[in-house]
Each structure stands twice: as C-alpha cells, then as structure tokens.
Amino acid sequence: MNQPLTQKSVDHSDTEKFAFGFFCDVCGKGWESPVIQFAAGGFTSIKNEEAYRLMWAHEHRTAFEQANLEAHWHFNYCPKCGKWVCVDCFDDCNGECCKECRNNNL
C-alpha cells in the first residue's frame, strides 16, 4: 500500500466497505473519504476464502489509492517544511507556508 498523504491517517474499512481518514500535519483537523462499498461484501456465494481475501485486498488497495489522491484536494503542501496541512493552517500565511513555519520563521 502507498504511503498516506498526511503523517496521520486511519483506516475505517471493514468487510463491507472501505473508508479512510486523513489529518492535517499541523492542527490535526481531519477529512474523511467517501465510503466505497466492497463489491463482494455480503455475498455468501464466494466459497473460497482465499479468493475472497484477495478480492478484498485488491479493492482495499484501490480504495486507499483513490482516497489518498482525493486528499490532495483537502490539504495543501507547505514548500518550507514539506507537511500537508488543512486550508486553515495554510491560508494563515497567505498561502506561502503553513502557520507552523510562519511562527518559527522558517
């Protein structure tokens, strides 16, 4: 699985659905990805447990990659420190850096 965009993220996925949370690297404000249903979730006709696990793992990886890409729309990259921060923490510096860098004069 790819690295999450932000330093802190959580996986809310279960046997029926995939969902992920990402958090601002400065203030911790979170963004939750839309829920994606597991295509085979709820089907009992899949008898082979290994096939079911492989299907789940593939869809989980795909859902995470999609959520991770979408997180780029909700966080901004600070060119000074390299953190991914929410709009509130980035706009604090007129879009030039995150508020942590401004406070530390980086």
Protein backbone atom coordinates (compact mmCIF):
# COMPACT_ATOMS: atom_id res chain seq x y z
CA MET A 1 0.00 0.00 0.00
CA ASN A 2 1.22 3.51 -0.79
CA GLN A 3 2.24 5.96 1.90
CA PRO A 4 -0.65 8.11 3.16
CA LEU A 5 -0.54 11.75 2.11
CA THR A 6 -0.58 13.06 5.68
CA GLN A 7 1.50 11.90 8.63
CA LYS A 8 -1.59 10.64 10.46
CA SER A 9 -4.30 8.62 8.79
CA VAL A 10 -6.81 5.98 9.87
CA ASP A 11 -8.40 3.07 8.09
CA HIS A 12 -12.13 2.68 8.84
CA SER A 13 -12.54 -0.22 6.40
CA ASP A 14 -14.34 -3.42 7.33
CA THR A 15 -15.64 -6.49 5.50
CA GLU A 16 -18.40 -4.47 3.78
CA LYS A 17 -16.86 -1.09 2.98
CA PHE A 18 -13.71 0.98 2.62
CA ALA A 19 -13.19 4.41 4.21
CA PHE A 20 -10.17 6.38 5.33
CA GLY A 21 -9.40 9.48 7.37
CA PHE A 22 -6.52 11.90 6.87
CA PHE A 23 -5.40 14.59 9.33
CA CYS A 24 -3.64 17.94 8.99
CA ASP A 25 0.04 17.62 9.87
CA VAL A 26 -0.14 20.84 11.93
CA CYS A 27 -3.51 21.11 13.71
CA GLY A 28 -4.87 17.56 13.28
CA LYS A 29 -8.11 18.65 11.58
CA GLY A 30 -9.47 15.62 9.76
CA TRP A 31 -11.03 14.79 6.42
CA GLU A 32 -12.93 11.54 5.86
CA SER A 33 -13.02 9.91 2.44
CA PRO A 34 -16.35 8.88 0.95
CA VAL A 35 -17.36 5.30 1.77
CA ILE A 36 -16.83 2.77 -1.02
CA GLN A 37 -18.72 -0.50 -0.76
CA PHE A 38 -16.81 -3.77 -1.15
CA ALA A 39 -18.16 -5.28 -4.38
CA ALA A 40 -18.25 -8.79 -2.93
CA GLY A 41 -19.36 -7.67 0.54
CA GLY A 42 -22.45 -9.51 1.69
CA PHE A 43 -22.15 -12.21 -0.95
CA THR A 44 -22.04 -15.64 0.57
CA SER A 45 -21.68 -17.40 -2.77
CA ILE A 46 -17.89 -17.00 -2.70
CA LYS A 47 -16.87 -20.26 -1.08
CA ASN A 48 -13.14 -19.90 -1.49
CA GLU A 49 -11.90 -17.86 1.46
CA GLU A 50 -8.53 -17.16 -0.18
CA ALA A 51 -10.24 -15.75 -3.29
CA TYR A 52 -12.45 -13.58 -1.08
CA ARG A 53 -9.41 -12.25 0.84
CA LEU A 54 -7.57 -11.49 -2.39
CA MET A 55 -10.58 -9.63 -3.79
CA TRP A 56 -10.91 -7.63 -0.57
CA ALA A 57 -7.18 -6.79 -0.51
CA HIS A 58 -7.25 -5.61 -4.13
CA GLU A 59 -10.33 -3.43 -3.64
CA HIS A 60 -8.94 -2.08 -0.35
CA ARG A 61 -5.69 -1.06 -2.02
CA THR A 62 -7.60 0.59 -4.89
CA ALA A 63 -9.95 2.43 -2.49
CA PHE A 64 -7.00 3.67 -0.42
CA GLU A 65 -5.18 4.95 -3.51
CA GLN A 66 -8.34 6.77 -4.61
CA ALA A 67 -8.85 8.32 -1.15
CA ASN A 68 -5.17 9.25 -0.91
CA LEU A 69 -5.37 11.06 -4.26
CA GLU A 70 -8.59 12.82 -3.27
CA ALA A 71 -6.94 14.00 -0.04
CA HIS A 72 -4.79 16.30 -2.22
CA TRP A 73 -7.91 18.44 -2.73
CA HIS A 74 -8.32 18.87 1.04
CA PHE A 75 -4.74 19.54 2.11
CA ASN A 76 -2.02 21.91 0.91
CA TYR A 77 1.68 21.18 0.69
CA CYS A 78 3.92 23.56 2.63
CA PRO A 79 7.03 24.15 0.50
CA LYS A 80 9.06 25.18 3.54
CA CYS A 81 8.59 22.17 5.84
CA GLY A 82 7.03 19.60 3.49
CA LYS A 83 3.95 18.99 5.62
CA TRP A 84 0.41 18.55 4.28
CA VAL A 85 -1.87 20.99 6.05
CA CYS A 86 -5.55 21.99 6.02
CA VAL A 87 -6.75 25.22 4.42
CA ASP A 88 -6.91 26.98 7.78
CA CYS A 89 -3.26 26.23 8.56
CA PHE A 90 -2.05 27.11 5.05
CA ASP A 91 -4.05 30.28 4.40
CA ASP A 92 -2.80 31.58 7.72
CA CYS A 93 0.39 32.59 5.87
CA ASN A 94 -1.31 33.99 2.77
CA GLY A 95 -0.69 30.70 1.00
CA GLU A 96 3.09 30.87 1.23
CA CYS A 97 3.67 28.41 4.06
CA CYS A 98 1.92 26.74 6.96
CA LYS A 99 1.28 28.61 10.20
CA GLU A 100 3.89 26.50 11.98
CA CYS A 101 6.61 27.72 9.58
CA ARG A 102 5.43 31.31 9.91
CA ASN A 103 5.54 31.05 13.71
CA ASN A 104 9.03 29.53 13.55
CA ASN A 105 10.18 31.93 10.78
CA LEU A 106 11.38 29.07 8.59
